[in-house]
C-alpha atoms as a PDB file:
ATOM      1  CA  UNK A   1      -8.705  30.046 -72.499  1.00  0.00           C
ATOM      2  CA  UNK A   2     -11.986  27.231 -70.971  1.00  0.00           C
ATOM      3  CA  UNK A   3     -10.748  27.695 -67.415  1.00  0.00           C
ATOM      4  CA  UNK A   4     -13.061  24.728 -66.815  1.00  0.00           C
ATOM      5  CA  UNK A   5     -10.913  22.961 -69.728  1.00  0.00           C
ATOM      6  CA  UNK A   6      -8.144  24.196 -67.948  1.00  0.00           C
ATOM      7  CA  UNK A   7      -8.918  22.747 -64.561  1.00  0.00           C
ATOM      8  CA  UNK A   8     -10.232  19.330 -66.096  1.00  0.00           C
ATOM      9  CA  UNK A   9      -6.673  18.716 -68.243  1.00  0.00           C
ATOM     10  CA  UNK A  10      -4.718  19.595 -64.731  1.00  0.00           C
ATOM     11  CA  UNK A  11      -7.368  17.258 -62.506  1.00  0.00           C
ATOM     12  CA  UNK A  12      -6.414  14.588 -65.366  1.00  0.00           C
ATOM     13  CA  UNK A  13      -2.423  15.505 -65.025  1.00  0.00           C
ATOM     14  CA  UNK A  14      -2.327  15.156 -61.705  1.00  0.00           C
ATOM     15  CA  UNK A  15      -4.439  11.984 -61.867  1.00  0.00           C
ATOM     16  CA  UNK A  16      -1.231  10.190 -63.816  1.00  0.00           C
ATOM     17  CA  UNK A  17       0.463   7.600 -62.366  1.00  0.00           C
ATOM     18  CA  UNK A  18       3.990   7.410 -61.607  1.00  0.00           C
ATOM     19  CA  UNK A  19       6.077   5.349 -63.697  1.00  0.00           C
ATOM     20  CA  UNK A  20       3.345   6.434 -66.256  1.00  0.00           C
ATOM     21  CA  UNK A  21       2.240   9.529 -69.603  1.00  0.00           C
ATOM     22  CA  UNK A  22       0.327  10.691 -71.527  1.00  0.00           C
ATOM     23  CA  UNK A  23       0.239  12.487 -74.848  1.00  0.00           C
ATOM     24  CA  UNK A  24      -1.705  15.393 -75.750  1.00  0.00           C
ATOM     25  CA  UNK A  25      -3.609  13.751 -78.344  1.00  0.00           C
ATOM     26  CA  UNK A  26      -4.722  11.624 -76.212  1.00  0.00           C
ATOM     27  CA  UNK A  27      -5.535  13.851 -72.799  1.00  0.00           C
ATOM     28  CA  UNK A  28      -7.610  16.013 -76.099  1.00  0.00           C
ATOM     29  CA  UNK A  29      -9.456  12.763 -77.113  1.00  0.00           C
ATOM     30  CA  UNK A  30     -10.233  11.590 -73.652  1.00  0.00           C
ATOM     31  CA  UNK A  31     -11.662  14.828 -72.407  1.00  0.00           C
ATOM     32  CA  UNK A  32     -13.902  15.115 -75.932  1.00  0.00           C
ATOM     33  CA  UNK A  33     -14.336  19.071 -75.551  1.00  0.00           C
ATOM     34  CA  UNK A  34     -14.020  19.453 -79.028  1.00  0.00           C
ATOM     35  CA  UNK A  35     -10.195  21.003 -78.135  1.00  0.00           C
ATOM     36  CA  UNK A  36      -7.175  18.741 -80.019  1.00  0.00           C
ATOM     37  CA  UNK A  37      -3.700  18.536 -78.737  1.00  0.00           C
ATOM     38  CA  UNK A  38      -2.957  21.979 -79.267  1.00  0.00           C
ATOM     39  CA  UNK A  39      -4.507  23.575 -77.080  1.00  0.00           C
ATOM     40  CA  UNK A  40      -4.006  20.904 -74.354  1.00  0.00           C
ATOM     41  CA  UNK A  41      -0.575  21.669 -74.775  1.00  0.00           C
ATOM     42  CA  UNK A  42      -1.499  25.143 -74.246  1.00  0.00           C
ATOM     43  CA  UNK A  43      -3.229  24.612 -71.203  1.00  0.00           C
ATOM     44  CA  UNK A  44      -0.024  23.118 -70.060  1.00  0.00           C
ATOM     45  CA  UNK A  45       2.950  25.134 -70.946  1.00  0.00           C
ATOM     46  CA  UNK A  46       0.821  27.911 -69.360  1.00  0.00           C
ATOM     47  CA  UNK A  47      -0.386  26.858 -65.849  1.00  0.00           C
ATOM     48  CA  UNK A  48       0.001  23.348 -65.460  1.00  0.00           C
ATOM     49  CA  UNK A  49       4.176  24.012 -63.066  1.00  0.00           C
ATOM     50  CA  UNK A  50       2.129  22.474 -59.941  1.00  0.00           C
ATOM     51  CA  UNK A  51       1.883  18.875 -61.547  1.00  0.00           C
ATOM     52  CA  UNK A  52       3.046  15.629 -63.044  1.00  0.00           C
ATOM     53  CA  UNK A  53       4.060  17.578 -66.332  1.00  0.00           C
ATOM     54  CA  UNK A  54       6.429  15.571 -67.403  1.00  0.00           C
ATOM     55  CA  UNK A  55       4.171  12.972 -67.727  1.00  0.00           C
ATOM     56  CA  UNK A  56       2.047  14.847 -70.667  1.00  0.00           C
ATOM     57  CA  UNK A  57       4.262  13.898 -73.514  1.00  0.00           C
ATOM     58  CA  UNK A  58       4.203  13.767 -77.346  1.00  0.00           C
ATOM     59  CA  UNK A  59       2.489  11.160 -79.184  1.00  0.00           C
ATOM     60  CA  UNK A  60       5.808   9.955 -80.140  1.00  0.00           C
ATOM     61  CA  UNK A  61       7.121  10.217 -76.221  1.00  0.00           C
ATOM     62  CA  UNK A  62       9.328  13.346 -76.857  1.00  0.00           C
ATOM     63  CA  UNK A  63       9.575  16.368 -74.839  1.00  0.00           C
ATOM     64  CA  UNK A  64      10.474  20.126 -75.485  1.00  0.00           C
ATOM     65  CA  UNK A  65      13.964  20.167 -76.306  1.00  0.00           C
ATOM     66  CA  UNK A  66      13.807  23.276 -73.187  1.00  0.00           C
ATOM     67  CA  UNK A  67      11.972  20.802 -70.816  1.00  0.00           C
ATOM     68  CA  UNK A  68      13.718  17.543 -71.481  1.00  0.00           C
ATOM     69  CA  UNK A  69      16.397  17.491 -69.419  1.00  0.00           C
ATOM     70  CA  UNK A  70      14.372  18.101 -66.038  1.00  0.00           C
ATOM     71  CA  UNK A  71      11.423  15.952 -67.694  1.00  0.00           C
ATOM     72  CA  UNK A  72      14.026  12.679 -68.287  1.00  0.00           C
ATOM     73  CA  UNK A  73      14.831  13.579 -64.556  1.00  0.00           C
ATOM     74  CA  UNK A  74      11.936  13.162 -62.847  1.00  0.00           C
ATOM     75  CA  UNK A  75      11.228   9.633 -65.683  1.00  0.00           C
ATOM     76  CA  UNK A  76      14.383   7.736 -64.033  1.00  0.00           C
ATOM     77  CA  UNK A  77      13.332   8.632 -60.368  1.00  0.00           C
ATOM     78  CA  UNK A  78      10.145   7.228 -61.399  1.00  0.00           C
ATOM     79  CA  UNK A  79      10.777   4.360 -63.598  1.00  0.00           C
ATOM     80  CA  UNK A  80       9.106   5.497 -66.738  1.00  0.00           C
ATOM     81  CA  UNK A  81      10.142   3.462 -69.509  1.00  0.00           C
ATOM     82  CA  UNK A  82      12.404   5.024 -71.290  1.00  0.00           C
ATOM     83  CA  UNK A  83      13.473   3.389 -75.277  1.00  0.00           C
ATOM     84  CA  UNK A  84      16.413   6.379 -77.234  1.00  0.00           C
ATOM     85  CA  UNK A  85      15.906   9.473 -74.895  1.00  0.00           C
ATOM     86  CA  UNK A  86      12.425   9.365 -75.208  1.00  0.00           C
ATOM     87  CA  UNK A  87       8.858   8.204 -73.274  1.00  0.00           C
ATOM     88  CA  UNK A  88       8.440   4.264 -74.316  1.00  0.00           C
ATOM     89  CA  UNK A  89       4.782   5.452 -74.941  1.00  0.00           C
ATOM     90  CA  UNK A  90       4.543   1.556 -76.261  1.00  0.00           C
ATOM     91  CA  UNK A  91       5.351   0.347 -72.578  1.00  0.00           C
ATOM     92  CA  UNK A  92       4.479   3.596 -70.185  1.00  0.00           C
ATOM     93  CA  UNK A  93       0.781   5.093 -72.022  1.00  0.00           C
ATOM     94  CA  UNK A  94      -1.510   5.444 -69.712  1.00  0.00           C
ATOM     95  CA  UNK A  95      -4.995   3.911 -70.535  1.00  0.00           C
ATOM     96  CA  UNK A  96      -7.236   6.071 -68.294  1.00  0.00           C
ATOM     97  CA  UNK A  97      -8.317   2.462 -66.293  1.00  0.00           C
ATOM     98  CA  UNK A  98      -6.188   2.421 -64.037  1.00  0.00           C
END
């Protein structure tokens, strides 16, 4: 893995405010490093355990099924807008400017 990109992803995820979320694709686009959402997902799967991983979701606000129960606990604790068991990206998406 590109170590510099990994560090940039993890640094960005640490900055996502409580109650907000960002999609894998939005992170890839924001970092403009030539990597797509799948690579961001790989970074999170392999190295994201020490950052608030539950704030990085699929574009539709969903999370991988095995992670969903724990993520939902975090979303509830952080008052993240949720609709039908997924993050409500219309109301929770972080635009990197906060």
